[in-house]
PDB file of all heavy atoms in Angstrom:
ATOM      1  N   ALA A   1      25.965  32.987 -13.207  1.00  0.00           N
ATOM      2  CA  ALA A   1      25.083  33.564 -14.220  1.00  0.00           C
ATOM      3  C   ALA A   1      25.867  34.010 -15.443  1.00  0.00           C
ATOM      4  O   ALA A   1      25.340  34.015 -16.558  1.00  0.00           O
ATOM      5  CB  ALA A   1      24.301  34.734 -13.632  1.00  0.00           C
ATOM      6  N   LEU A   2      27.138  34.384 -15.256  1.00  0.00           N
ATOM      7  CA  LEU A   2      27.978  34.738 -16.401  1.00  0.00           C
ATOM      8  C   LEU A   2      28.450  33.499 -17.150  1.00  0.00           C
ATOM      9  O   LEU A   2      28.515  33.490 -18.380  1.00  0.00           O
ATOM     10  CB  LEU A   2      29.189  35.554 -15.927  1.00  0.00           C
ATOM     11  CG  LEU A   2      28.919  36.974 -15.422  1.00  0.00           C
ATOM     12  CD1 LEU A   2      30.211  37.613 -14.947  1.00  0.00           C
ATOM     13  CD2 LEU A   2      28.289  37.828 -16.507  1.00  0.00           C
ATOM     14  N   LEU A   3      28.779  32.434 -16.393  1.00  0.00           N
ATOM     15  CA  LEU A   3      29.280  31.217 -17.016  1.00  0.00           C
ATOM     16  C   LEU A   3      28.175  30.444 -17.730  1.00  0.00           C
ATOM     17  O   LEU A   3      28.419  29.792 -18.747  1.00  0.00           O
ATOM     18  CB  LEU A   3      29.940  30.329 -15.947  1.00  0.00           C
ATOM     19  CG  LEU A   3      31.132  30.959 -15.212  1.00  0.00           C
ATOM     20  CD1 LEU A   3      31.640  30.016 -14.129  1.00  0.00           C
ATOM     21  CD2 LEU A   3      32.246  31.311 -16.187  1.00  0.00           C
ATOM     22  N   ASN A   4      26.945  30.520 -17.192  1.00  0.00           N
ATOM     23  CA  ASN A   4      25.825  29.790 -17.786  1.00  0.00           C
ATOM     24  C   ASN A   4      24.585  30.674 -17.779  1.00  0.00           C
ATOM     25  O   ASN A   4      23.648  30.453 -17.014  1.00  0.00           O
ATOM     26  CB  ASN A   4      25.579  28.495 -17.008  1.00  0.00           C
ATOM     27  CG  ASN A   4      24.505  27.634 -17.661  1.00  0.00           C
ATOM     28  OD1 ASN A   4      24.199  27.772 -18.854  1.00  0.00           O
ATOM     29  ND2 ASN A   4      23.902  26.750 -16.876  1.00  0.00           N
ATOM     30  N   PRO A   5      24.562  31.705 -18.619  1.00  0.00           N
ATOM     31  CA  PRO A   5      23.440  32.661 -18.563  1.00  0.00           C
ATOM     32  C   PRO A   5      22.098  32.053 -18.952  1.00  0.00           C
ATOM     33  O   PRO A   5      21.056  32.483 -18.461  1.00  0.00           O
ATOM     34  CB  PRO A   5      23.867  33.758 -19.540  1.00  0.00           C
ATOM     35  CG  PRO A   5      24.843  33.100 -20.461  1.00  0.00           C
ATOM     36  CD  PRO A   5      25.555  32.067 -19.642  1.00  0.00           C
ATOM     37  N   PHE A   6      22.094  31.061 -19.839  1.00  0.00           N
ATOM     38  CA  PHE A   6      20.827  30.493 -20.297  1.00  0.00           C
ATOM     39  C   PHE A   6      20.276  29.437 -19.335  1.00  0.00           C
ATOM     40  O   PHE A   6      19.137  29.025 -19.471  1.00  0.00           O
ATOM     41  CB  PHE A   6      20.996  29.884 -21.696  1.00  0.00           C
ATOM     42  CG  PHE A   6      21.388  30.884 -22.738  1.00  0.00           C
ATOM     43  CD1 PHE A   6      22.702  30.958 -23.179  1.00  0.00           C
ATOM     44  CD2 PHE A   6      20.458  31.769 -23.257  1.00  0.00           C
ATOM     45  CE1 PHE A   6      23.074  31.886 -24.136  1.00  0.00           C
ATOM     46  CE2 PHE A   6      20.825  32.701 -24.212  1.00  0.00           C
ATOM     47  CZ  PHE A   6      22.134  32.757 -24.655  1.00  0.00           C
ATOM     48  N   GLY A   7      21.089  29.031 -18.377  1.00  0.00           N
ATOM     49  CA  GLY A   7      20.614  28.052 -17.403  1.00  0.00           C
ATOM     50  C   GLY A   7      20.132  28.677 -16.113  1.00  0.00           C
ATOM     51  O   GLY A   7      19.966  27.975 -15.105  1.00  0.00           O
ATOM     52  N   GLN A   8      19.908  29.972 -16.112  1.00  0.00           N
ATOM     53  CA  GLN A   8      19.489  30.685 -14.916  1.00  0.00           C
ATOM     54  C   GLN A   8      17.982  30.951 -14.949  1.00  0.00           C
ATOM     55  O   GLN A   8      17.381  31.085 -16.016  1.00  0.00           O
ATOM     56  CB  GLN A   8      20.246  32.017 -14.795  1.00  0.00           C
ATOM     57  CG  GLN A   8      21.744  31.864 -14.705  1.00  0.00           C
ATOM     58  CD  GLN A   8      22.187  31.182 -13.441  1.00  0.00           C
ATOM     59  OE1 GLN A   8      21.642  31.428 -12.366  1.00  0.00           O
ATOM     60  NE2 GLN A   8      23.177  30.306 -13.560  1.00  0.00           N
ATOM     61  N   ASP A   9      17.433  31.064 -13.768  1.00  0.00           N
ATOM     62  CA  ASP A   9      16.016  31.369 -13.622  1.00  0.00           C
ATOM     63  C   ASP A   9      15.862  32.886 -13.434  1.00  0.00           C
ATOM     64  O   ASP A   9      15.662  33.380 -12.326  1.00  0.00           O
ATOM     65  CB  ASP A   9      15.423  30.605 -12.438  1.00  0.00           C
ATOM     66  CG  ASP A   9      13.912  30.817 -12.315  1.00  0.00           C
ATOM     67  OD1 ASP A   9      13.312  31.236 -13.330  1.00  0.00           O
ATOM     68  OD2 ASP A   9      13.355  30.569 -11.228  1.00  0.00           O
ATOM     69  N   TRP A  10      16.001  33.616 -14.531  1.00  0.00           N
ATOM     70  CA  TRP A  10      15.928  35.066 -14.467  1.00  0.00           C
ATOM     71  C   TRP A  10      14.501  35.509 -14.117  1.00  0.00           C
ATOM     72  O   TRP A  10      13.531  34.904 -14.554  1.00  0.00           O
ATOM     73  CB  TRP A  10      16.340  35.700 -15.789  1.00  0.00           C
ATOM     74  CG  TRP A  10      17.730  35.344 -16.223  1.00  0.00           C
ATOM     75  CD1 TRP A  10      18.087  34.492 -17.223  1.00  0.00           C
ATOM     76  CD2 TRP A  10      18.953  35.833 -15.667  1.00  0.00           C
ATOM     77  NE1 TRP A  10      19.456  34.427 -17.337  1.00  0.00           N
ATOM     78  CE2 TRP A  10      20.014  35.238 -16.391  1.00  0.00           C
ATOM     79  CE3 TRP A  10      19.261  36.713 -14.623  1.00  0.00           C
ATOM     80  CZ2 TRP A  10      21.348  35.484 -16.115  1.00  0.00           C
ATOM     81  CZ3 TRP A  10      20.589  36.966 -14.351  1.00  0.00           C
ATOM     82  CH2 TRP A  10      21.616  36.367 -15.075  1.00  0.00           C
ATOM     83  N   THR A  11      14.395  36.556 -13.336  1.00  0.00           N
ATOM     84  CA  THR A  11      13.087  37.015 -12.893  1.00  0.00           C
ATOM     85  C   THR A  11      13.116  38.507 -12.595  1.00  0.00           C
ATOM     86  O   THR A  11      14.179  39.076 -12.269  1.00  0.00           O
ATOM     87  CB  THR A  11      12.636  36.253 -11.637  1.00  0.00           C
ATOM     88  OG1 THR A  11      11.353  36.743 -11.220  1.00  0.00           O
ATOM     89  CG2 THR A  11      13.629  36.426 -10.501  1.00  0.00           C
ATOM     90  N   LEU A  12      11.956  39.138 -12.712  1.00  0.00           N
ATOM     91  CA  LEU A  12      11.776  40.540 -12.329  1.00  0.00           C
ATOM     92  C   LEU A  12      11.026  40.668 -11.010  1.00  0.00           C
ATOM     93  O   LEU A  12      10.682  41.780 -10.598  1.00  0.00           O
ATOM     94  CB  LEU A  12      11.010  41.298 -13.419  1.00  0.00           C
ATOM     95  CG  LEU A  12      11.722  41.478 -14.767  1.00  0.00           C
ATOM     96  CD1 LEU A  12      10.777  42.127 -15.782  1.00  0.00           C
ATOM     97  CD2 LEU A  12      12.982  42.320 -14.604  1.00  0.00           C
ATOM     98  N   ASP A  13      10.781  39.532 -10.353  1.00  0.00           N
ATOM     99  CA  ASP A  13       9.995  39.539  -9.117  1.00  0.00           C
ATOM    100  C   ASP A  13      10.667  40.346  -8.016  1.00  0.00           C
ATOM    101  O   ASP A  13       9.987  40.908  -7.151  1.00  0.00           O
ATOM    102  CB  ASP A  13       9.742  38.113  -8.640  1.00  0.00           C
ATOM    103  CG  ASP A  13       8.809  37.352  -9.575  1.00  0.00           C
ATOM    104  OD1 ASP A  13       8.123  38.011 -10.383  1.00  0.00           O
ATOM    105  OD2 ASP A  13       8.784  36.103  -9.508  1.00  0.00           O
ATOM    106  N   ASN A  14      12.004  40.395  -8.017  1.00  0.00           N
ATOM    107  CA  ASN A  14      12.696  41.148  -6.978  1.00  0.00           C
ATOM    108  C   ASN A  14      12.357  42.635  -7.058  1.00  0.00           C
ATOM    109  O   ASN A  14      12.075  43.284  -6.042  1.00  0.00           O
ATOM    110  CB  ASN A  14      14.208  40.955  -7.101  1.00  0.00           C
ATOM    111  CG  ASN A  14      14.624  39.518  -6.915  1.00  0.00           C
ATOM    112  OD1 ASN A  14      13.926  38.741  -6.268  1.00  0.00           O
ATOM    113  ND2 ASN A  14      15.762  39.149  -7.480  1.00  0.00           N
ATOM    114  N   TYR A  15      12.370  43.178  -8.253  1.00  0.00           N
ATOM    115  CA  TYR A  15      12.040  44.598  -8.428  1.00  0.00           C
ATOM    116  C   TYR A  15      10.559  44.846  -8.150  1.00  0.00           C
ATOM    117  O   TYR A  15      10.201  45.869  -7.549  1.00  0.00           O
ATOM    118  CB  TYR A  15      12.399  45.051  -9.839  1.00  0.00           C
ATOM    119  CG  TYR A  15      13.883  45.153 -10.075  1.00  0.00           C
ATOM    120  CD1 TYR A  15      14.596  44.090 -10.620  1.00  0.00           C
ATOM    121  CD2 TYR A  15      14.581  46.311  -9.748  1.00  0.00           C
ATOM    122  CE1 TYR A  15      15.970  44.181 -10.826  1.00  0.00           C
ATOM    123  CE2 TYR A  15      15.950  46.416  -9.967  1.00  0.00           C
ATOM    124  CZ  TYR A  15      16.635  45.337 -10.506  1.00  0.00           C
ATOM    125  OH  TYR A  15      17.988  45.432 -10.701  1.00  0.00           O
ATOM    126  N   VAL A  16       9.723  43.913  -8.579  1.00  0.00           N
ATOM    127  CA  VAL A  16       8.294  44.052  -8.295  1.00  0.00           C
ATOM    128  C   VAL A  16       8.052  44.011  -6.792  1.00  0.00           C
ATOM    129  O   VAL A  16       7.260  44.792  -6.244  1.00  0.00           O
ATOM    130  CB  VAL A  16       7.497  42.947  -9.014  1.00  0.00           C
ATOM    131  CG1 VAL A  16       6.030  43.009  -8.616  1.00  0.00           C
ATOM    132  CG2 VAL A  16       7.631  43.089 -10.526  1.00  0.00           C
ATOM    133  N   GLY A  17       8.747  43.098  -6.099  1.00  0.00           N
ATOM    134  CA  GLY A  17       8.575  42.998  -4.651  1.00  0.00           C
ATOM    135  C   GLY A  17       9.047  44.225  -3.913  1.00  0.00           C
ATOM    136  O   GLY A  17       8.440  44.647  -2.924  1.00  0.00           O
ATOM    137  N   VAL A  18      10.135  44.821  -4.397  1.00  0.00           N
ATOM    138  CA  VAL A  18      10.655  46.035  -3.756  1.00  0.00           C
ATOM    139  C   VAL A  18       9.695  47.205  -3.949  1.00  0.00           C
ATOM    140  O   VAL A  18       9.389  47.946  -3.006  1.00  0.00           O
ATOM    141  CB  VAL A  18      12.048  46.378  -4.312  1.00  0.00           C
ATOM    142  CG1 VAL A  18      12.470  47.780  -3.873  1.00  0.00           C
ATOM    143  CG2 VAL A  18      13.068  45.362  -3.835  1.00  0.00           C
ATOM    144  N   LEU A  19       9.192  47.375  -5.167  1.00  0.00           N
ATOM    145  CA  LEU A  19       8.337  48.519  -5.467  1.00  0.00           C
ATOM    146  C   LEU A  19       6.936  48.369  -4.892  1.00  0.00           C
ATOM    147  O   LEU A  19       6.298  49.360  -4.515  1.00  0.00           O
ATOM    148  CB  LEU A  19       8.251  48.717  -6.982  1.00  0.00           C
ATOM    149  CG  LEU A  19       9.563  49.098  -7.674  1.00  0.00           C
ATOM    150  CD1 LEU A  19       9.379  49.163  -9.172  1.00  0.00           C
ATOM    151  CD2 LEU A  19      10.079  50.424  -7.144  1.00  0.00           C
ATOM    152  N   GLN A  20       6.440  47.137  -4.794  1.00  0.00           N
ATOM    153  CA  GLN A  20       5.079  46.933  -4.307  1.00  0.00           C
ATOM    154  C   GLN A  20       5.030  46.593  -2.815  1.00  0.00           C
ATOM    155  O   GLN A  20       4.069  46.952  -2.141  1.00  0.00           O
ATOM    156  CB  GLN A  20       4.410  45.802  -5.095  1.00  0.00           C
ATOM    157  CG  GLN A  20       4.144  46.137  -6.555  1.00  0.00           C
ATOM    158  CD  GLN A  20       3.415  45.025  -7.280  1.00  0.00           C
ATOM    159  OE1 GLN A  20       3.239  43.925  -6.749  1.00  0.00           O
ATOM    160  NE2 GLN A  20       2.978  45.306  -8.508  1.00  0.00           N
ATOM    161  N   GLY A  21       6.039  45.912  -2.321  1.00  0.00           N
ATOM    162  CA  GLY A  21       5.976  45.447  -0.940  1.00  0.00           C
ATOM    163  C   GLY A  21       6.602  46.371   0.074  1.00  0.00           C
ATOM    164  O   GLY A  21       6.669  46.045   1.246  1.00  0.00           O
ATOM    165  N   SER A  22       7.087  47.492  -0.344  1.00  0.00           N
ATOM    166  CA  SER A  22       7.695  48.445   0.590  1.00  0.00           C
ATOM    167  C   SER A  22       7.365  49.864   0.146  1.00  0.00           C
ATOM    168  O   SER A  22       6.827  50.083  -0.938  1.00  0.00           O
ATOM    169  CB  SER A  22       9.223  48.259   0.645  1.00  0.00           C
ATOM    170  OG  SER A  22       9.796  48.553  -0.616  1.00  0.00           O
ATOM    171  N   ASP A  23       7.706  50.813   0.975  1.00  0.00           N
ATOM    172  CA  ASP A  23       7.460  52.221   0.662  1.00  0.00           C
ATOM    173  C   ASP A  23       8.698  52.837   0.011  1.00  0.00           C
ATOM    174  O   ASP A  23       9.141  53.927   0.383  1.00  0.00           O
ATOM    175  CB  ASP A  23       7.077  52.984   1.929  1.00  0.00           C
ATOM    176  CG  ASP A  23       5.769  52.498   2.516  1.00  0.00           C
ATOM    177  OD1 ASP A  23       4.909  52.071   1.733  1.00  0.00           O
ATOM    178  OD2 ASP A  23       5.617  52.532   3.745  1.00  0.00           O
ATOM    179  N   MET A  24       9.256  52.121  -0.962  1.00  0.00           N
ATOM    180  CA  MET A  24      10.490  52.582  -1.581  1.00  0.00           C
ATOM    181  C   MET A  24      10.295  53.916  -2.292  1.00  0.00           C
ATOM    182  O   MET A  24      11.186  54.773  -2.273  1.00  0.00           O
ATOM    183  CB  MET A  24      10.999  51.529  -2.560  1.00  0.00           C
ATOM    184  CG  MET A  24      12.395  51.788  -3.092  1.00  0.00           C
ATOM    185  SD  MET A  24      13.663  51.680  -1.804  1.00  0.00           S
ATOM    186  CE  MET A  24      13.613  49.915  -1.453  1.00  0.00           C
ATOM    187  N   ALA A  25       9.148  54.111  -2.928  1.00  0.00           N
ATOM    188  CA  ALA A  25       8.910  55.382  -3.616  1.00  0.00           C
ATOM    189  C   ALA A  25       8.893  56.542  -2.626  1.00  0.00           C
ATOM    190  O   ALA A  25       9.472  57.607  -2.883  1.00  0.00           O
ATOM    191  CB  ALA A  25       7.598  55.313  -4.390  1.00  0.00           C
ATOM    192  N   ILE A  26       8.246  56.341  -1.483  1.00  0.00           N
ATOM    193  CA  ILE A  26       8.241  57.382  -0.453  1.00  0.00           C
ATOM    194  C   ILE A  26       9.643  57.585   0.095  1.00  0.00           C
ATOM    195  O   ILE A  26      10.056  58.714   0.393  1.00  0.00           O
ATOM    196  CB  ILE A  26       7.256  57.000   0.675  1.00  0.00           C
ATOM    197  CG1 ILE A  26       5.842  56.886   0.111  1.00  0.00           C
ATOM    198  CG2 ILE A  26       7.312  58.021   1.808  1.00  0.00           C
ATOM    199  CD1 ILE A  26       4.813  56.451   1.130  1.00  0.00           C
ATOM    200  N   GLY A  27      10.396  56.482   0.230  1.00  0.00           N
ATOM    201  CA  GLY A  27      11.776  56.598   0.701  1.00  0.00           C
ATOM    202  C   GLY A  27      12.636  57.405  -0.253  1.00  0.00           C
ATOM    203  O   GLY A  27      13.478  58.202   0.183  1.00  0.00           O
ATOM    204  N   PHE A  28      12.430  57.217  -1.561  1.00  0.00           N
ATOM    205  CA  PHE A  28      13.158  58.016  -2.544  1.00  0.00           C
ATOM    206  C   PHE A  28      12.837  59.490  -2.376  1.00  0.00           C
ATOM    207  O   PHE A  28      13.728  60.353  -2.393  1.00  0.00           O
ATOM    208  CB  PHE A  28      12.792  57.554  -3.952  1.00  0.00           C
ATOM    209  CG  PHE A  28      13.753  56.551  -4.528  1.00  0.00           C
ATOM    210  CD1 PHE A  28      13.442  55.201  -4.528  1.00  0.00           C
ATOM    211  CD2 PHE A  28      14.952  56.953  -5.068  1.00  0.00           C
ATOM    212  CE1 PHE A  28      14.315  54.271  -5.061  1.00  0.00           C
ATOM    213  CE2 PHE A  28      15.838  56.038  -5.612  1.00  0.00           C
ATOM    214  CZ  PHE A  28      15.516  54.685  -5.607  1.00  0.00           C
ATOM    215  N   LEU A  29      11.562  59.811  -2.225  1.00  0.00           N
ATOM    216  CA  LEU A  29      11.160  61.202  -2.066  1.00  0.00           C
ATOM    217  C   LEU A  29      11.740  61.793  -0.789  1.00  0.00           C
ATOM    218  O   LEU A  29      12.239  62.928  -0.790  1.00  0.00           O
ATOM    219  CB  LEU A  29       9.632  61.299  -2.058  1.00  0.00           C
ATOM    220  CG  LEU A  29       9.048  62.700  -1.916  1.00  0.00           C
ATOM    221  CD1 LEU A  29       9.504  63.595  -3.059  1.00  0.00           C
ATOM    222  CD2 LEU A  29       7.523  62.642  -1.858  1.00  0.00           C
ATOM    223  N   ASN A  30      11.697  61.015   0.298  1.00  0.00           N
ATOM    224  CA  ASN A  30      12.274  61.497   1.560  1.00  0.00           C
ATOM    225  C   ASN A  30      13.774  61.737   1.426  1.00  0.00           C
ATOM    226  O   ASN A  30      14.308  62.720   1.974  1.00  0.00           O
ATOM    227  CB  ASN A  30      12.012  60.485   2.675  1.00  0.00           C
ATOM    228  CG  ASN A  30      10.548  60.406   3.060  1.00  0.00           C
ATOM    229  OD1 ASN A  30       9.782  61.338   2.840  1.00  0.00           O
ATOM    230  ND2 ASN A  30      10.139  59.288   3.625  1.00  0.00           N
ATOM    231  N   THR A  31      14.466  60.859   0.705  1.00  0.00           N
ATOM    232  CA  THR A  31      15.906  61.016   0.549  1.00  0.00           C
ATOM    233  C   THR A  31      16.241  62.258  -0.257  1.00  0.00           C
ATOM    234  O   THR A  31      17.211  62.960   0.030  1.00  0.00           O
ATOM    235  CB  THR A  31      16.504  59.774  -0.129  1.00  0.00           C
ATOM    236  OG1 THR A  31      16.054  58.594   0.544  1.00  0.00           O
ATOM    237  CG2 THR A  31      18.016  59.813  -0.075  1.00  0.00           C
ATOM    238  N   ILE A  32      15.440  62.547  -1.281  1.00  0.00           N
ATOM    239  CA  ILE A  32      15.650  63.772  -2.059  1.00  0.00           C
ATOM    240  C   ILE A  32      15.416  65.002  -1.190  1.00  0.00           C
ATOM    241  O   ILE A  32      16.177  65.975  -1.239  1.00  0.00           O
ATOM    242  CB  ILE A  32      14.726  63.781  -3.289  1.00  0.00           C
ATOM    243  CG1 ILE A  32      15.113  62.662  -4.251  1.00  0.00           C
ATOM    244  CG2 ILE A  32      14.781  65.133  -3.999  1.00  0.00           C
ATOM    245  CD1 ILE A  32      14.169  62.510  -5.425  1.00  0.00           C
ATOM    246  N   VAL A  33      14.349  64.948  -0.363  1.00  0.00           N
ATOM    247  CA  VAL A  33      14.053  66.068   0.539  1.00  0.00           C
ATOM    248  C   VAL A  33      15.199  66.278   1.523  1.00  0.00           C
ATOM    249  O   VAL A  33      15.503  67.411   1.915  1.00  0.00           O
ATOM    250  CB  VAL A  33      12.727  65.808   1.280  1.00  0.00           C
ATOM    251  CG1 VAL A  33      12.491  66.859   2.358  1.00  0.00           C
ATOM    252  CG2 VAL A  33      11.566  65.796   0.295  1.00  0.00           C
ATOM    253  N   VAL A  34      15.855  65.197   1.935  1.00  0.00           N
ATOM    254  CA  VAL A  34      16.987  65.307   2.852  1.00  0.00           C
ATOM    255  C   VAL A  34      18.244  65.767   2.122  1.00  0.00           C
ATOM    256  O   VAL A  34      18.961  66.661   2.587  1.00  0.00           O
ATOM    257  CB  VAL A  34      17.244  63.957   3.563  1.00  0.00           C
ATOM    258  CG1 VAL A  34      18.587  63.982   4.301  1.00  0.00           C
ATOM    259  CG2 VAL A  34      16.122  63.648   4.532  1.00  0.00           C
ATOM    260  N   ALA A  35      18.521  65.161   0.962  1.00  0.00           N
ATOM    261  CA  ALA A  35      19.819  65.346   0.317  1.00  0.00           C
ATOM    262  C   ALA A  35      19.983  66.726  -0.316  1.00  0.00           C
ATOM    263  O   ALA A  35      21.081  67.300  -0.261  1.00  0.00           O
ATOM    264  CB  ALA A  35      20.028  64.260  -0.741  1.00  0.00           C
ATOM    265  N   VAL A  36      18.944  67.265  -0.915  1.00  0.00           N
ATOM    266  CA  VAL A  36      19.096  68.541  -1.631  1.00  0.00           C
ATOM    267  C   VAL A  36      19.420  69.691  -0.670  1.00  0.00           C
ATOM    268  O   VAL A  36      20.435  70.394  -0.862  1.00  0.00           O
ATOM    269  CB  VAL A  36      17.840  68.835  -2.473  1.00  0.00           C
ATOM    270  CG1 VAL A  36      17.917  70.236  -3.069  1.00  0.00           C
ATOM    271  CG2 VAL A  36      17.695  67.795  -3.591  1.00  0.00           C
ATOM    272  N   PRO A  37      18.621  69.937   0.386  1.00  0.00           N
ATOM    273  CA  PRO A  37      19.016  71.016   1.309  1.00  0.00           C
ATOM    274  C   PRO A  37      20.320  70.717   2.039  1.00  0.00           C
ATOM    275  O   PRO A  37      21.107  71.635   2.298  1.00  0.00           O
ATOM    276  CB  PRO A  37      17.836  71.085   2.292  1.00  0.00           C
ATOM    277  CG  PRO A  37      16.695  70.445   1.579  1.00  0.00           C
ATOM    278  CD  PRO A  37      17.295  69.384   0.735  1.00  0.00           C
ATOM    279  N   ALA A  38      20.561  69.430   2.380  1.00  0.00           N
ATOM    280  CA  ALA A  38      21.787  69.077   3.090  1.00  0.00           C
ATOM    281  C   ALA A  38      23.015  69.185   2.198  1.00  0.00           C
ATOM    282  O   ALA A  38      24.138  69.079   2.698  1.00  0.00           O
ATOM    283  CB  ALA A  38      21.682  67.655   3.640  1.00  0.00           C
ATOM    284  N   THR A  39      22.826  69.393   0.919  1.00  0.00           N
ATOM    285  CA  THR A  39      23.934  69.654   0.003  1.00  0.00           C
ATOM    286  C   THR A  39      24.111  71.145  -0.232  1.00  0.00           C
ATOM    287  O   THR A  39      25.240  71.658  -0.235  1.00  0.00           O
ATOM    288  CB  THR A  39      23.696  68.951  -1.346  1.00  0.00           C
ATOM    289  OG1 THR A  39      23.595  67.542  -1.135  1.00  0.00           O
ATOM    290  CG2 THR A  39      24.823  69.237  -2.311  1.00  0.00           C
TER     291      THR A  39
END
């Protein structure tokens, strides 16, 4: 991708799939709930 950046099939589907197809937002909140008191 560095050698031929214009010949790549760039996409945002990976981020869309992570945010829509999983409970990543809830996981972020759970991690904050764990990390702050545990610090």
